[in-house]
Amino acid sequence: MTNTLFVAWRSPEPNGPRWGPVGRLEHGPGGYRFVYTRGAMTLPDFQPFAEMPRLDAVYESDELFPLFANRLLSRSRPEYQAYLTWGGFDPNNPPDPIALLAVTQGRRATDQLELFPCPARDTEGGYLNKFFLHGIRHMSADAQSRVGSLRVGERLRAVPEDTNPSDPQAVAVFTEGDDVQIGYVPRYLAREVRDLFEQCGTMFAELQVERVNPSAPMQQKLLCRMSACWPEGFNPCTGGEFQPIVIGLGSALK
């Protein structure tokens, strides 16, 4: 079984940052592999990573590449077990690094990189995804306090924010009932979430609290769970920007 994550990069454009996929990271029986995708050739100002200088090369390693390994908390840190718990993992059975990156997104507070998995159907053929809420640190003190009072299973509302000057695809997240904005859907999921809520409707697409982590840093404070129908013709991560630059590259490591 091969686990795959896409690497998204933020382009600092004058009218606001633009995010897009620039690479694909895989883990299989043969180790780790990284390739650039076509998004790396079209996203303004993107430059290859220093340890992976060629856009048309295939990079393979027995160990997780340092660029991504450095985005995981060290096992020697005293808060490592809490770090696993924040993402919903069992500290007694640490996950594969790819699985951990898929939830934490390898985020840093002031960074231009994020990692994310392409969604797949759940056991019932529907859509299921978990992600940490973005933008909490930019919300008001009252909103941040509201995040801390949320309960597992509590419903949230995803609202398209077409007038957002930085990202016209932005999707804001509000609490139900008191209608407090507490953050945003991750940028790499925004367009997808818009499509799912439009096609599935609120009866078959919902957003709710999966876990609240009071002691965690802001980027891991609130784990959300989104479930929805899987619309006919819905094929995420198939656009040209997701395709590897290296022609004929398979998706499985031998």
Protein backbone atom coordinates (compact mmCIF):
# COMPACT_ATOMS: atom_id res chain seq x y z
CA MET A 1 0.00 0.00 0.00
CA THR A 2 1.34 3.42 -0.95
CA ASN A 3 0.55 6.52 1.08
CA THR A 4 0.58 9.77 -0.85
CA LEU A 5 0.57 13.42 0.16
CA PHE A 6 0.62 16.51 -1.99
CA VAL A 7 2.86 19.44 -1.13
CA ALA A 8 1.25 22.87 -1.42
CA TRP A 9 3.23 26.11 -1.64
CA ARG A 10 2.13 29.70 -1.06
CA SER A 11 2.98 32.25 -3.74
CA PRO A 12 3.34 35.77 -2.24
CA GLU A 13 1.40 37.58 -4.96
CA PRO A 14 0.68 41.36 -4.66
CA ASN A 15 -3.10 40.84 -4.45
CA GLY A 16 -2.83 38.17 -1.78
CA PRO A 17 -1.13 34.77 -1.42
CA ARG A 18 -2.03 31.99 -3.81
CA TRP A 19 -1.73 28.34 -2.82
CA GLY A 20 -1.25 25.41 -5.14
CA PRO A 21 0.25 21.90 -5.33
CA VAL A 22 3.91 21.76 -6.37
CA GLY A 23 4.93 18.23 -5.43
CA ARG A 24 3.92 14.72 -4.45
CA LEU A 25 5.39 12.71 -1.58
CA GLU A 26 4.89 8.93 -1.46
CA HIS A 27 5.77 6.17 0.97
CA GLY A 28 5.71 2.53 -0.03
CA PRO A 29 7.59 -0.74 0.58
CA GLY A 30 10.59 0.65 -1.31
CA GLY A 31 10.90 3.79 0.80
CA TYR A 32 10.05 7.42 0.13
CA ARG A 33 9.75 9.20 -3.18
CA PHE A 34 9.21 12.85 -4.09
CA VAL A 35 8.42 14.35 -7.48
CA TYR A 36 7.41 17.81 -8.56
CA THR A 37 4.00 18.31 -10.12
CA ARG A 38 3.05 20.64 -12.95
CA GLY A 39 1.86 23.19 -10.42
CA ALA A 40 5.53 23.91 -9.70
CA MET A 41 5.88 25.24 -13.25
CA THR A 42 2.84 27.52 -13.12
CA LEU A 43 2.70 28.90 -9.57
CA PRO A 44 4.29 32.39 -9.65
CA ASP A 45 7.76 32.73 -8.10
CA PHE A 46 8.11 29.09 -7.07
CA GLN A 47 11.70 27.84 -6.89
CA PRO A 48 12.75 24.18 -6.40
CA PHE A 49 13.65 23.15 -2.87
CA ALA A 50 17.39 23.33 -2.16
CA GLU A 51 17.77 19.58 -1.56
CA MET A 52 15.67 18.78 -4.65
CA PRO A 53 16.99 21.21 -7.28
CA ARG A 54 15.63 19.65 -10.50
CA LEU A 55 11.97 19.84 -11.42
CA ASP A 56 12.25 16.87 -13.80
CA ALA A 57 13.93 14.45 -11.39
CA VAL A 58 12.61 11.64 -9.19
CA TYR A 59 13.98 11.75 -5.64
CA GLU A 60 14.05 8.53 -3.60
CA SER A 61 15.20 7.78 -0.06
CA ASP A 62 15.01 5.04 2.56
CA GLU A 63 14.25 7.72 5.16
CA LEU A 64 11.78 10.58 5.11
CA PHE A 65 13.39 13.57 3.40
CA PRO A 66 14.70 16.15 5.93
CA LEU A 67 12.50 18.87 4.38
CA PHE A 68 9.45 16.96 5.62
CA ALA A 69 10.92 15.13 8.63
CA ASN A 70 11.76 18.50 10.18
CA ARG A 71 8.02 19.30 10.15
CA LEU A 72 7.30 16.56 12.66
CA LEU A 73 7.83 17.03 16.36
CA SER A 74 10.85 15.10 17.63
CA ARG A 75 10.09 11.96 19.64
CA SER A 76 12.50 13.27 22.29
CA ARG A 77 10.33 16.32 23.04
CA PRO A 78 8.40 16.06 26.32
CA GLU A 79 5.14 17.02 24.59
CA TYR A 80 5.45 14.31 21.90
CA GLN A 81 2.71 12.10 23.33
CA ALA A 82 0.37 15.08 23.62
CA TYR A 83 1.28 15.99 20.03
CA LEU A 84 0.03 12.57 18.87
CA THR A 85 -3.12 12.88 20.94
CA TRP A 86 -3.91 16.31 19.43
CA GLY A 87 -4.19 14.64 16.03
CA GLY A 88 -6.38 11.82 17.34
CA PHE A 89 -3.61 9.18 17.37
CA ASP A 90 -2.83 6.61 20.06
CA PRO A 91 0.50 7.52 21.74
CA ASN A 92 1.06 3.82 22.42
CA ASN A 93 0.90 3.08 18.69
CA PRO A 94 2.65 5.97 16.91
CA PRO A 95 1.48 6.37 13.30
CA ASP A 96 3.51 6.27 10.13
CA PRO A 97 5.13 9.70 9.50
CA ILE A 98 3.02 10.13 6.36
CA ALA A 99 -0.18 9.54 8.33
CA LEU A 100 0.93 12.09 10.92
CA LEU A 101 1.81 14.67 8.28
CA ALA A 102 -1.56 14.10 6.64
CA VAL A 103 -3.29 15.42 9.76
CA THR A 104 -0.81 18.01 11.04
CA GLN A 105 -0.14 19.22 7.45
CA GLY A 106 3.47 19.84 8.45
CA ARG A 107 2.44 23.40 9.28
CA ARG A 108 4.65 26.04 10.78
CA ALA A 109 3.35 29.39 12.00
CA THR A 110 5.01 31.54 9.31
CA ASP A 111 5.65 29.06 6.53
CA GLN A 112 4.96 28.66 2.83
CA LEU A 113 4.45 24.89 2.81
CA GLU A 114 1.62 22.55 3.73
CA LEU A 115 1.10 18.84 3.06
CA PHE A 116 -2.28 17.27 2.47
CA PRO A 117 -3.77 13.95 1.37
CA CYS A 118 -6.11 13.54 -1.56
CA PRO A 119 -9.49 12.47 -0.14
CA ALA A 120 -10.73 8.96 -0.82
CA ARG A 121 -14.11 7.32 -0.32
CA ASP A 122 -14.93 5.99 3.14
CA THR A 123 -16.24 2.46 3.76
CA GLU A 124 -19.76 3.56 2.83
CA GLY A 125 -18.72 5.29 -0.38
CA GLY A 126 -18.96 8.81 1.00
CA TYR A 127 -16.49 11.61 1.60
CA LEU A 128 -14.65 11.88 4.91
CA ASN A 129 -11.82 14.22 5.81
CA LYS A 130 -10.23 15.53 9.00
CA PHE A 131 -8.26 18.75 9.28
CA PHE A 132 -7.09 21.32 11.79
CA LEU A 133 -8.96 24.60 11.55
CA HIS A 134 -6.90 27.43 10.09
CA GLY A 135 -6.82 31.11 11.06
CA ILE A 136 -7.75 30.82 14.75
CA ARG A 137 -4.89 33.11 15.77
CA HIS A 138 -6.34 35.85 13.56
CA MET A 139 -9.75 35.70 15.24
CA SER A 140 -10.86 37.87 18.16
CA ALA A 141 -10.19 36.93 21.77
CA ASP A 142 -13.87 36.08 22.18
CA ALA A 143 -13.75 33.78 19.16
CA GLN A 144 -10.64 32.04 20.48
CA SER A 145 -12.39 31.57 23.81
CA ARG A 146 -15.37 30.08 21.97
CA VAL A 147 -13.06 27.52 20.34
CA GLY A 148 -11.99 26.40 23.80
CA SER A 149 -15.62 25.85 24.83
CA LEU A 150 -16.53 23.64 21.86
CA ARG A 151 -17.51 20.03 22.45
CA VAL A 152 -16.83 16.90 20.42
CA GLY A 153 -19.60 16.37 17.89
CA GLU A 154 -20.75 19.98 17.92
CA ARG A 155 -21.93 21.14 14.49
CA LEU A 156 -20.12 23.91 12.64
CA ARG A 157 -21.10 25.93 9.55
CA ALA A 158 -18.94 26.34 6.46
CA VAL A 159 -19.70 29.65 4.72
CA PRO A 160 -18.11 30.73 1.39
CA GLU A 161 -16.45 34.14 1.78
CA ASP A 162 -16.45 35.46 -1.78
CA THR A 163 -15.43 38.97 -0.69
CA ASN A 164 -12.25 37.84 1.06
CA PRO A 165 -9.54 40.15 -0.40
CA SER A 166 -6.75 37.61 0.09
CA ASP A 167 -8.53 34.50 -1.17
CA PRO A 168 -11.81 34.64 -3.14
CA GLN A 169 -12.16 30.86 -2.61
CA ALA A 170 -12.02 31.20 1.19
CA VAL A 171 -14.51 29.29 3.32
CA ALA A 172 -15.13 30.70 6.79
CA VAL A 173 -16.19 28.47 9.67
CA PHE A 174 -18.83 29.53 12.21
CA THR A 175 -20.34 27.92 15.28
CA GLU A 176 -23.99 26.99 15.10
CA GLY A 177 -26.50 28.79 17.26
CA ASP A 178 -24.42 31.76 18.40
CA ASP A 179 -22.89 32.22 14.92
CA VAL A 180 -19.29 33.05 15.94
CA GLN A 181 -16.62 32.95 13.26
CA ILE A 182 -13.77 30.83 14.63
CA GLY A 183 -11.51 30.35 11.59
CA TYR A 184 -11.25 29.00 8.06
CA VAL A 185 -11.21 25.74 6.16
CA PRO A 186 -7.62 25.02 4.98
CA ARG A 187 -6.94 26.77 1.67
CA TYR A 188 -6.18 23.54 -0.17
CA LEU A 189 -9.65 22.22 0.72
CA ALA A 190 -11.70 25.39 0.20
CA ARG A 191 -12.79 24.84 -3.39
CA GLU A 192 -13.58 21.19 -2.68
CA VAL A 193 -15.68 22.06 0.39
CA ARG A 194 -17.62 24.63 -1.63
CA ASP A 195 -18.40 22.03 -4.29
CA LEU A 196 -19.46 19.38 -1.78
CA PHE A 197 -21.82 21.62 0.17
CA GLU A 198 -23.34 22.86 -3.09
CA GLN A 199 -23.79 19.40 -4.62
CA CYS A 200 -24.63 17.39 -1.50
CA GLY A 201 -26.68 19.94 0.41
CA THR A 202 -26.63 20.44 4.16
CA MET A 203 -28.41 17.11 4.81
CA PHE A 204 -25.56 15.15 3.22
CA ALA A 205 -22.58 17.42 3.94
CA GLU A 206 -21.67 18.44 7.46
CA LEU A 207 -18.79 19.86 9.44
CA GLN A 208 -18.33 19.10 13.11
CA VAL A 209 -15.85 19.16 15.98
CA GLU A 210 -13.67 16.05 16.10
CA ARG A 211 -11.36 17.11 18.93
CA VAL A 212 -10.51 20.22 20.99
CA ASN A 213 -6.92 20.55 22.25
CA PRO A 214 -6.76 23.34 24.89
CA SER A 215 -3.00 22.95 25.51
CA ALA A 216 -1.98 22.77 21.84
CA PRO A 217 -0.59 25.63 19.74
CA MET A 218 -3.15 27.53 17.67
CA GLN A 219 -2.50 25.52 14.48
CA GLN A 220 -3.52 22.31 16.29
CA LYS A 221 -6.19 23.69 18.60
CA LEU A 222 -9.28 22.37 16.81
CA LEU A 223 -9.52 19.17 14.77
CA CYS A 224 -12.57 19.16 12.49
CA ARG A 225 -14.36 16.35 10.71
CA MET A 226 -16.15 16.81 7.42
CA SER A 227 -18.42 14.17 5.93
CA ALA A 228 -20.44 14.39 2.73
CA CYS A 229 -21.86 12.48 -0.16
CA TRP A 230 -19.51 11.59 -3.02
CA PRO A 231 -21.13 13.30 -6.04
CA GLU A 232 -21.14 11.61 -9.41
CA GLY A 233 -18.13 12.79 -11.38
CA PHE A 234 -16.33 14.09 -8.27
CA ASN A 235 -12.62 13.42 -8.89
CA PRO A 236 -10.37 15.35 -6.50
CA CYS A 237 -6.68 15.91 -7.19
CA THR A 238 -6.93 15.14 -10.91
CA GLY A 239 -6.27 18.60 -12.35
CA GLY A 240 -3.16 19.30 -14.37
CA GLU A 241 -1.40 20.97 -11.44
CA PHE A 242 -1.49 17.64 -9.56
CA GLN A 243 0.13 15.62 -12.35
CA PRO A 244 3.85 14.74 -12.04
CA ILE A 245 6.24 16.53 -14.36
CA VAL A 246 8.04 13.26 -15.03
CA ILE A 247 6.01 11.63 -17.81
CA GLY A 248 4.89 8.03 -17.25
CA LEU A 249 5.63 8.00 -13.54
CA GLY A 250 3.58 5.41 -11.68
CA SER A 251 2.08 5.99 -8.26
CA ALA A 252 3.46 2.94 -6.47
CA LEU A 253 6.94 2.31 -5.14
CA LYS A 254 8.31 -1.13 -5.90
